């Protein structure tokens, strides 16, 4: 846990800056879009080295989050409803993506296998990736999203009991009859 403390501290620092300095409303500036544009390749470069990953990557990540909050265009991108929907589904994707890859990959692995490897990977990414988003999206809507409401146990119980037929009593008839 201590080896990854810097990631937690960056997250706490970002929350503090967002709430205290920006007062929940970060000002938008175009130069943050340039920071994001330069930052994405740097993030991937930092992942190439263990030392950079543990020490430079958290700072770059902080800058990228600042850019996402403060940039004009990058904020618009991350605020897009399709992007936020996938972000909301991230736990569902985490839970079942491997099973979807395994099931779908069995049928698609031969498709494009004669192509050069980078092209084959793109073909598989499109074929399997779209199925991951669709299947995990259905899983999210049917199972996870309803459980996000505080009253989900009561709603679930009402749904179950509404399926059980109830015998109607006639006037004057008692339960013991």
C-alpha atoms as a PDB file:
ATOM      1  CA  UNK A   1       0.000   0.000   0.000  1.00  0.00           C
ATOM      2  CA  UNK A   2       2.809   2.420   0.822  1.00  0.00           C
ATOM      3  CA  UNK A   3       4.341   1.853  -2.604  1.00  0.00           C
ATOM      4  CA  UNK A   4       1.209   3.410  -4.160  1.00  0.00           C
ATOM      5  CA  UNK A   5       0.620   6.149  -1.584  1.00  0.00           C
ATOM      6  CA  UNK A   6       1.543   8.855  -4.108  1.00  0.00           C
ATOM      7  CA  UNK A   7      -1.542   7.967  -6.201  1.00  0.00           C
ATOM      8  CA  UNK A   8      -3.858   8.363  -3.206  1.00  0.00           C
ATOM      9  CA  UNK A   9      -2.192  11.631  -2.191  1.00  0.00           C
ATOM     10  CA  UNK A  10      -2.580  13.048  -5.709  1.00  0.00           C
ATOM     11  CA  UNK A  11      -6.281  12.128  -5.579  1.00  0.00           C
ATOM     12  CA  UNK A  12      -6.714  13.848  -2.202  1.00  0.00           C
ATOM     13  CA  UNK A  13      -4.834  16.894  -3.468  1.00  0.00           C
ATOM     14  CA  UNK A  14      -7.021  17.085  -6.583  1.00  0.00           C
ATOM     15  CA  UNK A  15     -10.197  16.858  -4.466  1.00  0.00           C
ATOM     16  CA  UNK A  16      -8.865  19.616  -2.217  1.00  0.00           C
ATOM     17  CA  UNK A  17      -8.010  21.889  -5.166  1.00  0.00           C
ATOM     18  CA  UNK A  18     -11.406  21.233  -6.762  1.00  0.00           C
ATOM     19  CA  UNK A  19     -13.374  22.003  -3.597  1.00  0.00           C
ATOM     20  CA  UNK A  20     -11.284  24.754  -2.023  1.00  0.00           C
ATOM     21  CA  UNK A  21      -9.440  26.603  -4.793  1.00  0.00           C
ATOM     22  CA  UNK A  22     -11.945  26.160  -7.620  1.00  0.00           C
ATOM     23  CA  UNK A  23     -15.025  26.087  -5.333  1.00  0.00           C
ATOM     24  CA  UNK A  24     -16.589  23.264  -7.457  1.00  0.00           C
ATOM     25  CA  UNK A  25     -16.414  25.463 -10.567  1.00  0.00           C
ATOM     26  CA  UNK A  26     -12.990  25.419 -12.214  1.00  0.00           C
ATOM     27  CA  UNK A  27     -12.401  28.309 -14.622  1.00  0.00           C
ATOM     28  CA  UNK A  28     -11.934  27.158 -18.235  1.00  0.00           C
ATOM     29  CA  UNK A  29      -8.828  28.166 -20.176  1.00  0.00           C
ATOM     30  CA  UNK A  30      -7.755  27.069 -23.650  1.00  0.00           C
ATOM     31  CA  UNK A  31      -4.132  26.475 -22.667  1.00  0.00           C
ATOM     32  CA  UNK A  32      -5.279  23.492 -20.580  1.00  0.00           C
ATOM     33  CA  UNK A  33      -6.324  21.851 -23.850  1.00  0.00           C
ATOM     34  CA  UNK A  34      -2.701  22.123 -24.972  1.00  0.00           C
ATOM     35  CA  UNK A  35      -1.584  20.572 -21.667  1.00  0.00           C
ATOM     36  CA  UNK A  36      -3.911  17.643 -22.362  1.00  0.00           C
ATOM     37  CA  UNK A  37      -2.684  17.324 -25.928  1.00  0.00           C
ATOM     38  CA  UNK A  38       0.938  17.127 -24.779  1.00  0.00           C
ATOM     39  CA  UNK A  39       0.133  15.157 -21.647  1.00  0.00           C
ATOM     40  CA  UNK A  40      -1.436  12.064 -23.175  1.00  0.00           C
ATOM     41  CA  UNK A  41       1.721  10.935 -24.987  1.00  0.00           C
ATOM     42  CA  UNK A  42       3.780  11.762 -21.889  1.00  0.00           C
ATOM     43  CA  UNK A  43       1.537   9.534 -19.766  1.00  0.00           C
ATOM     44  CA  UNK A  44       2.239   6.589 -22.044  1.00  0.00           C
ATOM     45  CA  UNK A  45       5.969   7.356 -22.074  1.00  0.00           C
ATOM     46  CA  UNK A  46       6.005   7.488 -18.262  1.00  0.00           C
ATOM     47  CA  UNK A  47       4.479   4.007 -18.157  1.00  0.00           C
ATOM     48  CA  UNK A  48       7.561   2.612 -19.929  1.00  0.00           C
ATOM     49  CA  UNK A  49       9.746   2.942 -16.832  1.00  0.00           C
ATOM     50  CA  UNK A  50       9.059   1.690 -13.307  1.00  0.00           C
ATOM     51  CA  UNK A  51      10.709   4.732 -11.741  1.00  0.00           C
ATOM     52  CA  UNK A  52       8.787   7.149 -13.966  1.00  0.00           C
ATOM     53  CA  UNK A  53       5.553   5.249 -13.375  1.00  0.00           C
ATOM     54  CA  UNK A  54       5.820   5.570  -9.607  1.00  0.00           C
ATOM     55  CA  UNK A  55       7.070   9.134  -9.400  1.00  0.00           C
ATOM     56  CA  UNK A  56       6.402  11.084 -12.608  1.00  0.00           C
ATOM     57  CA  UNK A  57       3.142   9.426 -13.615  1.00  0.00           C
ATOM     58  CA  UNK A  58       1.107  10.656 -10.574  1.00  0.00           C
ATOM     59  CA  UNK A  59       2.139  14.266 -11.267  1.00  0.00           C
ATOM     60  CA  UNK A  60       1.290  13.908 -14.950  1.00  0.00           C
ATOM     61  CA  UNK A  61      -2.009  12.330 -13.998  1.00  0.00           C
ATOM     62  CA  UNK A  62      -2.752  15.296 -11.737  1.00  0.00           C
ATOM     63  CA  UNK A  63      -2.031  17.674 -14.613  1.00  0.00           C
ATOM     64  CA  UNK A  64      -4.282  15.653 -16.927  1.00  0.00           C
ATOM     65  CA  UNK A  65      -7.148  15.786 -14.435  1.00  0.00           C
ATOM     66  CA  UNK A  66      -6.631  19.539 -14.087  1.00  0.00           C
ATOM     67  CA  UNK A  67      -6.729  19.796 -17.885  1.00  0.00           C
ATOM     68  CA  UNK A  68      -9.924  17.728 -18.015  1.00  0.00           C
ATOM     69  CA  UNK A  69     -11.581  20.034 -15.493  1.00  0.00           C
ATOM     70  CA  UNK A  70     -10.181  23.323 -16.758  1.00  0.00           C
ATOM     71  CA  UNK A  71      -9.725  22.961 -20.518  1.00  0.00           C
ATOM     72  CA  UNK A  72     -12.450  24.136 -22.840  1.00  0.00           C
ATOM     73  CA  UNK A  73     -12.405  21.336 -25.426  1.00  0.00           C
ATOM     74  CA  UNK A  74     -11.061  18.501 -23.287  1.00  0.00           C
ATOM     75  CA  UNK A  75     -13.721  19.249 -20.672  1.00  0.00           C
ATOM     76  CA  UNK A  76     -16.363  19.173 -23.367  1.00  0.00           C
ATOM     77  CA  UNK A  77     -15.054  15.783 -24.498  1.00  0.00           C
ATOM     78  CA  UNK A  78     -15.068  14.261 -20.999  1.00  0.00           C
ATOM     79  CA  UNK A  79     -18.475  15.813 -20.262  1.00  0.00           C
ATOM     80  CA  UNK A  80     -20.000  14.149 -23.324  1.00  0.00           C
ATOM     81  CA  UNK A  81     -22.876  11.924 -22.231  1.00  0.00           C
ATOM     82  CA  UNK A  82     -21.468   8.884 -24.075  1.00  0.00           C
ATOM     83  CA  UNK A  83     -18.112   9.223 -22.329  1.00  0.00           C
ATOM     84  CA  UNK A  84     -19.734   9.690 -18.923  1.00  0.00           C
ATOM     85  CA  UNK A  85     -22.011   6.699 -19.573  1.00  0.00           C
ATOM     86  CA  UNK A  86     -18.994   4.466 -20.203  1.00  0.00           C
ATOM     87  CA  UNK A  87     -17.378   5.958 -17.088  1.00  0.00           C
ATOM     88  CA  UNK A  88     -20.494   5.057 -15.110  1.00  0.00           C
ATOM     89  CA  UNK A  89     -20.307   1.514 -16.457  1.00  0.00           C
ATOM     90  CA  UNK A  90     -16.643   1.061 -15.512  1.00  0.00           C
ATOM     91  CA  UNK A  91     -17.364  -1.294 -12.613  1.00  0.00           C
ATOM     92  CA  UNK A  92     -19.650  -3.429 -14.773  1.00  0.00           C
ATOM     93  CA  UNK A  93     -16.975  -3.491 -17.469  1.00  0.00           C
ATOM     94  CA  UNK A  94     -14.373  -4.426 -14.869  1.00  0.00           C
ATOM     95  CA  UNK A  95     -16.523  -7.264 -13.558  1.00  0.00           C
ATOM     96  CA  UNK A  96     -17.393  -9.053 -16.787  1.00  0.00           C
ATOM     97  CA  UNK A  97     -15.065  -7.872 -19.571  1.00  0.00           C
ATOM     98  CA  UNK A  98     -12.879 -10.961 -19.360  1.00  0.00           C
ATOM     99  CA  UNK A  99     -15.851 -13.305 -19.731  1.00  0.00           C
ATOM    100  CA  UNK A 100     -17.101 -11.322 -22.727  1.00  0.00           C
ATOM    101  CA  UNK A 101     -13.637 -11.387 -24.332  1.00  0.00           C
ATOM    102  CA  UNK A 102     -13.433 -15.140 -23.780  1.00  0.00           C
ATOM    103  CA  UNK A 103     -16.895 -15.841 -25.179  1.00  0.00           C
ATOM    104  CA  UNK A 104     -16.761 -13.481 -28.154  1.00  0.00           C
ATOM    105  CA  UNK A 105     -13.093 -14.120 -28.933  1.00  0.00           C
ATOM    106  CA  UNK A 106     -13.797 -17.782 -29.605  1.00  0.00           C
ATOM    107  CA  UNK A 107     -15.943 -16.789 -32.553  1.00  0.00           C
ATOM    108  CA  UNK A 108     -13.874 -13.873 -33.853  1.00  0.00           C
ATOM    109  CA  UNK A 109     -10.279 -15.061 -33.440  1.00  0.00           C
ATOM    110  CA  UNK A 110     -10.093 -16.429 -37.000  1.00  0.00           C
ATOM    111  CA  UNK A 111     -11.488 -13.233 -38.549  1.00  0.00           C
ATOM    112  CA  UNK A 112      -8.634 -11.200 -39.965  1.00  0.00           C
ATOM    113  CA  UNK A 113      -5.954 -13.649 -38.800  1.00  0.00           C
ATOM    114  CA  UNK A 114      -4.351 -13.515 -42.265  1.00  0.00           C
ATOM    115  CA  UNK A 115      -3.821  -9.744 -41.938  1.00  0.00           C
ATOM    116  CA  UNK A 116      -0.697  -8.102 -40.486  1.00  0.00           C
ATOM    117  CA  UNK A 117      -0.727  -8.240 -36.687  1.00  0.00           C
ATOM    118  CA  UNK A 118      -1.475  -4.512 -36.054  1.00  0.00           C
ATOM    119  CA  UNK A 119      -4.448  -4.666 -38.449  1.00  0.00           C
ATOM    120  CA  UNK A 120      -5.614  -7.953 -36.894  1.00  0.00           C
ATOM    121  CA  UNK A 121      -5.518  -6.316 -33.446  1.00  0.00           C
ATOM    122  CA  UNK A 122      -7.623  -3.397 -34.694  1.00  0.00           C
ATOM    123  CA  UNK A 123     -10.156  -5.816 -36.231  1.00  0.00           C
ATOM    124  CA  UNK A 124     -10.365  -7.787 -32.977  1.00  0.00           C
ATOM    125  CA  UNK A 125     -10.570  -4.597 -30.933  1.00  0.00           C
ATOM    126  CA  UNK A 126     -13.552  -3.421 -32.980  1.00  0.00           C
ATOM    127  CA  UNK A 127     -15.294  -6.806 -32.983  1.00  0.00           C
ATOM    128  CA  UNK A 128     -14.714  -7.675 -29.340  1.00  0.00           C
ATOM    129  CA  UNK A 129     -14.712  -4.106 -27.991  1.00  0.00           C
ATOM    130  CA  UNK A 130     -18.158  -3.286 -29.343  1.00  0.00           C
ATOM    131  CA  UNK A 131     -19.520  -6.494 -27.779  1.00  0.00           C
ATOM    132  CA  UNK A 132     -17.931  -5.578 -24.449  1.00  0.00           C
ATOM    133  CA  UNK A 133     -19.604  -2.176 -24.460  1.00  0.00           C
ATOM    134  CA  UNK A 134     -22.997  -3.613 -25.510  1.00  0.00           C
ATOM    135  CA  UNK A 135     -23.048  -6.583 -23.117  1.00  0.00           C
ATOM    136  CA  UNK A 136     -21.611  -4.636 -20.190  1.00  0.00           C
ATOM    137  CA  UNK A 137     -24.039  -1.798 -20.958  1.00  0.00           C
ATOM    138  CA  UNK A 138     -26.998  -4.170 -20.727  1.00  0.00           C
ATOM    139  CA  UNK A 139     -25.562  -5.645 -17.509  1.00  0.00           C
ATOM    140  CA  UNK A 140     -25.161  -2.132 -16.108  1.00  0.00           C
ATOM    141  CA  UNK A 141     -28.695  -1.021 -16.994  1.00  0.00           C
ATOM    142  CA  UNK A 142     -30.367  -4.221 -15.784  1.00  0.00           C
ATOM    143  CA  UNK A 143     -28.349  -5.029 -12.646  1.00  0.00           C
ATOM    144  CA  UNK A 144     -26.001  -2.293 -11.485  1.00  0.00           C
ATOM    145  CA  UNK A 145     -27.907   0.931 -12.152  1.00  0.00           C
ATOM    146  CA  UNK A 146     -31.094  -0.110 -10.313  1.00  0.00           C
ATOM    147  CA  UNK A 147     -28.958  -0.979  -7.268  1.00  0.00           C
ATOM    148  CA  UNK A 148     -27.510   2.553  -7.186  1.00  0.00           C
ATOM    149  CA  UNK A 149     -30.736   3.871  -5.674  1.00  0.00           C
ATOM    150  CA  UNK A 150     -30.969   3.902  -1.902  1.00  0.00           C
ATOM    151  CA  UNK A 151     -34.358   2.229  -1.937  1.00  0.00           C
ATOM    152  CA  UNK A 152     -33.342  -0.576  -4.313  1.00  0.00           C
ATOM    153  CA  UNK A 153     -34.183  -3.401  -1.842  1.00  0.00           C
ATOM    154  CA  UNK A 154     -37.747  -2.081  -1.437  1.00  0.00           C
ATOM    155  CA  UNK A 155     -38.143  -1.637  -5.203  1.00  0.00           C
ATOM    156  CA  UNK A 156     -36.806  -5.133  -5.806  1.00  0.00           C
ATOM    157  CA  UNK A 157     -39.205  -6.596  -3.227  1.00  0.00           C
ATOM    158  CA  UNK A 158     -42.135  -4.704  -4.782  1.00  0.00           C
ATOM    159  CA  UNK A 159     -41.223  -6.042  -8.223  1.00  0.00           C
ATOM    160  CA  UNK A 160     -41.045  -9.595  -6.909  1.00  0.00           C
ATOM    161  CA  UNK A 161     -44.292  -9.377  -4.956  1.00  0.00           C
ATOM    162  CA  UNK A 162     -46.100  -7.824  -7.912  1.00  0.00           C
ATOM    163  CA  UNK A 163     -45.428 -11.015  -9.864  1.00  0.00           C
ATOM    164  CA  UNK A 164     -47.063 -13.223  -7.227  1.00  0.00           C
ATOM    165  CA  UNK A 165     -50.806 -13.666  -7.824  1.00  0.00           C
ATOM    166  CA  UNK A 166     -52.932 -12.671  -4.847  1.00  0.00           C
ATOM    167  CA  UNK A 167     -56.211 -14.479  -4.206  1.00  0.00           C
ATOM    168  CA  UNK A 168     -59.088 -12.010  -4.094  1.00  0.00           C
ATOM    169  CA  UNK A 169     -61.545 -12.526  -1.230  1.00  0.00           C
ATOM    170  CA  UNK A 170     -65.284 -12.115  -1.657  1.00  0.00           C
ATOM    171  CA  UNK A 171     -67.290  -9.794   0.597  1.00  0.00           C
ATOM    172  CA  UNK A 172     -68.086 -11.545   3.880  1.00  0.00           C
ATOM    173  CA  UNK A 173     -65.484 -14.254   3.326  1.00  0.00           C
ATOM    174  CA  UNK A 174     -62.873 -14.621   6.064  1.00  0.00           C
ATOM    175  CA  UNK A 175     -59.316 -15.758   5.714  1.00  0.00           C
ATOM    176  CA  UNK A 176     -60.112 -19.106   7.367  1.00  0.00           C
ATOM    177  CA  UNK A 177     -62.861 -19.970   4.815  1.00  0.00           C
END
